Amino acid sequence: MTTGGQHRGHCRCGSVAMTANTEPVFSVYCHCDDCRRATGAPVLAAVAFMKDAIDWQAAQTLKRHTNGTAHRLFCGECGSPVAQEHDSAADRTFFNTGFMDEPECYPPAAHTFEGEQLSWLALTDDLPRAKTTLSIKRP
């Protein structure tokens, strides 16, 4: 489990690492085409933390690519996808669950962009499903 309320993650080579000093806001699956292409996976599992609670370590190797209103963060050394930031939720960073040191601690609580889910991907859970994104404005 996480220690002392801290949640940690790092890229494959360890050049980019983070600690979040707060509990996650939420965790979701995203089926949108943009997330699939950015991660190379059939679906993205992501966990959101408030930006002001994130401490980046070795962030000089953290790179960004902007595509419309989404900003993709990745390691400039090993290329690992790290996180995404969205203009509509400017106070949060959405970390790829696989980037987190203990990904089992962040089970998704919902699906977003369900209409873009790949037909052969059988996720038969009872989680809520949204046609686009969930409301990601600060509660």
C-alpha atoms as a PDB file:
ATOM      1  CA  MET A   1       0.000   0.000   0.000  1.00  0.00           C
ATOM      2  CA  THR A   2       0.989   3.627  -0.140  1.00  0.00           C
ATOM      3  CA  THR A   3       2.973   5.000   2.776  1.00  0.00           C
ATOM      4  CA  GLY A   4       1.943   7.960   4.906  1.00  0.00           C
ATOM      5  CA  GLY A   5      -0.654   9.205   2.428  1.00  0.00           C
ATOM      6  CA  GLN A   6       1.996   9.527  -0.266  1.00  0.00           C
ATOM      7  CA  HIS A   7       1.448   8.094  -3.719  1.00  0.00           C
ATOM      8  CA  ARG A   8       4.524   7.566  -5.882  1.00  0.00           C
ATOM      9  CA  GLY A   9       5.234   6.833  -9.517  1.00  0.00           C
ATOM     10  CA  HIS A  10       8.194   6.667 -11.862  1.00  0.00           C
ATOM     11  CA  CYS A  11       8.974   6.011 -15.508  1.00  0.00           C
ATOM     12  CA  ARG A  12      10.755   2.935 -16.812  1.00  0.00           C
ATOM     13  CA  CYS A  13      14.264   4.414 -16.483  1.00  0.00           C
ATOM     14  CA  GLY A  14      13.567   6.363 -13.270  1.00  0.00           C
ATOM     15  CA  SER A  15      14.447   9.771 -14.750  1.00  0.00           C
ATOM     16  CA  VAL A  16      10.923  11.065 -14.117  1.00  0.00           C
ATOM     17  CA  ALA A  17       9.334  10.424 -10.737  1.00  0.00           C
ATOM     18  CA  MET A  18       6.590  11.990  -8.662  1.00  0.00           C
ATOM     19  CA  THR A  19       5.057  11.920  -5.223  1.00  0.00           C
ATOM     20  CA  ALA A  20       1.473  13.018  -4.591  1.00  0.00           C
ATOM     21  CA  ASN A  21       0.846  14.117  -1.018  1.00  0.00           C
ATOM     22  CA  THR A  22      -2.915  13.703  -1.159  1.00  0.00           C
ATOM     23  CA  GLU A  23      -5.473  11.065  -1.971  1.00  0.00           C
ATOM     24  CA  PRO A  24      -6.437  10.666  -5.636  1.00  0.00           C
ATOM     25  CA  VAL A  25      -9.422  12.594  -6.945  1.00  0.00           C
ATOM     26  CA  PHE A  26     -10.622   9.592  -8.979  1.00  0.00           C
ATOM     27  CA  SER A  27      -9.467   6.836 -11.308  1.00  0.00           C
ATOM     28  CA  VAL A  28     -10.974   5.990 -14.710  1.00  0.00           C
ATOM     29  CA  TYR A  29     -10.666   4.011 -17.916  1.00  0.00           C
ATOM     30  CA  CYS A  30     -10.532   6.194 -21.028  1.00  0.00           C
ATOM     31  CA  HIS A  31     -11.447   4.624 -24.362  1.00  0.00           C
ATOM     32  CA  CYS A  32     -10.908   7.712 -26.547  1.00  0.00           C
ATOM     33  CA  ASP A  33      -8.839   7.426 -29.713  1.00  0.00           C
ATOM     34  CA  ASP A  34      -6.393  10.094 -28.530  1.00  0.00           C
ATOM     35  CA  CYS A  35      -5.530   8.185 -25.331  1.00  0.00           C
ATOM     36  CA  ARG A  36      -5.174   4.928 -27.274  1.00  0.00           C
ATOM     37  CA  ARG A  37      -2.735   6.489 -29.715  1.00  0.00           C
ATOM     38  CA  ALA A  38      -0.784   8.328 -27.004  1.00  0.00           C
ATOM     39  CA  THR A  39      -0.267   5.179 -24.940  1.00  0.00           C
ATOM     40  CA  GLY A  40      -0.251   2.456 -27.589  1.00  0.00           C
ATOM     41  CA  ALA A  41      -2.766   0.516 -25.498  1.00  0.00           C
ATOM     42  CA  PRO A  42      -6.397  -0.440 -26.231  1.00  0.00           C
ATOM     43  CA  VAL A  43      -7.563   1.557 -23.196  1.00  0.00           C
ATOM     44  CA  LEU A  44      -5.947   3.966 -20.753  1.00  0.00           C
ATOM     45  CA  ALA A  45      -6.366   3.567 -17.008  1.00  0.00           C
ATOM     46  CA  ALA A  46      -5.567   6.862 -15.294  1.00  0.00           C
ATOM     47  CA  VAL A  47      -5.587   8.227 -11.759  1.00  0.00           C
ATOM     48  CA  ALA A  48      -6.043  11.950 -11.074  1.00  0.00           C
ATOM     49  CA  PHE A  49      -4.301  13.994  -8.389  1.00  0.00           C
ATOM     50  CA  MET A  50      -4.549  17.699  -7.619  1.00  0.00           C
ATOM     51  CA  LYS A  51      -1.576  19.485  -9.234  1.00  0.00           C
ATOM     52  CA  ASP A  52      -0.727  21.464  -6.113  1.00  0.00           C
ATOM     53  CA  ALA A  53      -0.098  18.198  -4.204  1.00  0.00           C
ATOM     54  CA  ILE A  54       2.384  16.772  -6.741  1.00  0.00           C
ATOM     55  CA  ASP A  55       6.124  16.891  -6.126  1.00  0.00           C
ATOM     56  CA  TRP A  56       8.121  16.105  -9.271  1.00  0.00           C
ATOM     57  CA  GLN A  57      11.603  14.600  -8.932  1.00  0.00           C
ATOM     58  CA  ALA A  58      14.071  14.862 -11.838  1.00  0.00           C
ATOM     59  CA  ALA A  59      11.434  16.769 -13.790  1.00  0.00           C
ATOM     60  CA  GLN A  60      14.062  18.229 -16.154  1.00  0.00           C
ATOM     61  CA  THR A  61      13.598  15.133 -18.335  1.00  0.00           C
ATOM     62  CA  LEU A  62       9.795  15.510 -18.350  1.00  0.00           C
ATOM     63  CA  LYS A  63       8.614  16.445 -21.842  1.00  0.00           C
ATOM     64  CA  ARG A  64       5.232  17.694 -23.052  1.00  0.00           C
ATOM     65  CA  HIS A  65       3.290  17.358 -26.269  1.00  0.00           C
ATOM     66  CA  THR A  66       0.132  19.408 -26.750  1.00  0.00           C
ATOM     67  CA  ASN A  67      -2.694  18.153 -28.929  1.00  0.00           C
ATOM     68  CA  GLY A  68      -5.593  20.574 -28.794  1.00  0.00           C
ATOM     69  CA  THR A  69      -6.656  20.839 -25.154  1.00  0.00           C
ATOM     70  CA  ALA A  70      -4.748  17.748 -23.969  1.00  0.00           C
ATOM     71  CA  HIS A  71      -1.134  17.959 -22.846  1.00  0.00           C
ATOM     72  CA  ARG A  72       0.693  14.613 -22.838  1.00  0.00           C
ATOM     73  CA  LEU A  73       3.649  14.226 -20.465  1.00  0.00           C
ATOM     74  CA  PHE A  74       6.383  11.674 -21.128  1.00  0.00           C
ATOM     75  CA  CYS A  75       9.977  10.900 -20.177  1.00  0.00           C
ATOM     76  CA  GLY A  76      12.500  12.453 -22.549  1.00  0.00           C
ATOM     77  CA  GLU A  77      14.997   9.683 -21.753  1.00  0.00           C
ATOM     78  CA  CYS A  78      13.061   6.402 -22.072  1.00  0.00           C
ATOM     79  CA  GLY A  79       9.888   7.685 -23.785  1.00  0.00           C
ATOM     80  CA  SER A  80       7.520   6.265 -21.157  1.00  0.00           C
ATOM     81  CA  PRO A  81       4.093   7.925 -21.189  1.00  0.00           C
ATOM     82  CA  VAL A  82       3.635   9.519 -17.769  1.00  0.00           C
ATOM     83  CA  ALA A  83       0.460  11.586 -17.548  1.00  0.00           C
ATOM     84  CA  GLN A  84      -1.929  13.961 -19.241  1.00  0.00           C
ATOM     85  CA  GLU A  85      -3.304  17.354 -18.345  1.00  0.00           C
ATOM     86  CA  HIS A  86      -6.485  18.857 -19.744  1.00  0.00           C
ATOM     87  CA  ASP A  87      -7.527  22.483 -20.065  1.00  0.00           C
ATOM     88  CA  SER A  88     -10.976  21.560 -18.707  1.00  0.00           C
ATOM     89  CA  ALA A  89      -9.383  20.253 -15.485  1.00  0.00           C
ATOM     90  CA  ALA A  90      -6.399  22.574 -15.180  1.00  0.00           C
ATOM     91  CA  ASP A  91      -6.011  21.872 -11.452  1.00  0.00           C
ATOM     92  CA  ARG A  92      -5.426  18.114 -11.937  1.00  0.00           C
ATOM     93  CA  THR A  93      -2.875  15.790 -13.480  1.00  0.00           C
ATOM     94  CA  PHE A  94      -4.036  12.385 -14.757  1.00  0.00           C
ATOM     95  CA  PHE A  95      -1.260   9.827 -14.311  1.00  0.00           C
ATOM     96  CA  ASN A  96      -1.190   6.649 -16.348  1.00  0.00           C
ATOM     97  CA  THR A  97      -1.924   3.962 -13.770  1.00  0.00           C
ATOM     98  CA  GLY A  98       0.998   1.896 -15.086  1.00  0.00           C
ATOM     99  CA  PHE A  99       3.343   4.774 -14.146  1.00  0.00           C
ATOM    100  CA  MET A 100       2.335   4.483 -10.496  1.00  0.00           C
ATOM    101  CA  ASP A 101       4.520   2.372  -8.188  1.00  0.00           C
ATOM    102  CA  GLU A 102       1.491   0.505  -6.826  1.00  0.00           C
ATOM    103  CA  PRO A 103      -1.035   0.385  -9.678  1.00  0.00           C
ATOM    104  CA  GLU A 104      -3.232  -2.104  -7.795  1.00  0.00           C
ATOM    105  CA  CYS A 105      -4.154   0.758  -5.433  1.00  0.00           C
ATOM    106  CA  TYR A 106      -5.993   2.665  -8.191  1.00  0.00           C
ATOM    107  CA  PRO A 107      -8.802   0.550  -9.650  1.00  0.00           C
ATOM    108  CA  PRO A 108     -10.864   2.553 -12.155  1.00  0.00           C
ATOM    109  CA  ALA A 109     -14.258   3.697 -10.910  1.00  0.00           C
ATOM    110  CA  ALA A 110     -15.790   4.531 -14.320  1.00  0.00           C
ATOM    111  CA  HIS A 111     -15.367   4.365 -18.109  1.00  0.00           C
ATOM    112  CA  THR A 112     -15.165   7.464 -20.315  1.00  0.00           C
ATOM    113  CA  PHE A 113     -15.749   7.688 -24.075  1.00  0.00           C
ATOM    114  CA  GLU A 114     -17.544   4.339 -24.030  1.00  0.00           C
ATOM    115  CA  GLY A 115     -18.625   4.799 -27.657  1.00  0.00           C
ATOM    116  CA  GLU A 116     -14.973   4.554 -28.711  1.00  0.00           C
ATOM    117  CA  GLN A 117     -14.278   1.309 -26.846  1.00  0.00           C
ATOM    118  CA  LEU A 118     -12.761  -1.289 -29.179  1.00  0.00           C
ATOM    119  CA  SER A 119     -15.321  -3.947 -30.083  1.00  0.00           C
ATOM    120  CA  TRP A 120     -13.015  -6.834 -29.121  1.00  0.00           C
ATOM    121  CA  LEU A 121     -12.158  -5.388 -25.705  1.00  0.00           C
ATOM    122  CA  ALA A 122     -14.478  -7.173 -23.276  1.00  0.00           C
ATOM    123  CA  LEU A 123     -14.614  -5.267 -19.997  1.00  0.00           C
ATOM    124  CA  THR A 124     -17.705  -6.663 -18.328  1.00  0.00           C
ATOM    125  CA  ASP A 125     -17.660  -4.735 -15.072  1.00  0.00           C
ATOM    126  CA  ASP A 126     -20.595  -2.786 -13.671  1.00  0.00           C
ATOM    127  CA  LEU A 127     -18.778   0.564 -13.549  1.00  0.00           C
ATOM    128  CA  PRO A 128     -20.577   3.721 -14.698  1.00  0.00           C
ATOM    129  CA  ARG A 129     -20.017   4.578 -18.366  1.00  0.00           C
ATOM    130  CA  ALA A 130     -19.976   8.027 -19.935  1.00  0.00           C
ATOM    131  CA  LYS A 131     -20.394   8.772 -23.643  1.00  0.00           C
ATOM    132  CA  THR A 132     -17.702  11.440 -23.452  1.00  0.00           C
ATOM    133  CA  THR A 133     -15.794  12.508 -20.383  1.00  0.00           C
ATOM    134  CA  LEU A 134     -16.908  12.633 -16.801  1.00  0.00           C
ATOM    135  CA  SER A 135     -17.345  16.005 -15.232  1.00  0.00           C
ATOM    136  CA  ILE A 136     -13.770  16.754 -14.267  1.00  0.00           C
ATOM    137  CA  LYS A 137     -14.347  20.179 -12.818  1.00  0.00           C
ATOM    138  CA  ARG A 138     -13.317  20.654  -9.210  1.00  0.00           C
ATOM    139  CA  PRO A 139     -16.169  19.540  -6.895  1.00  0.00           C
END
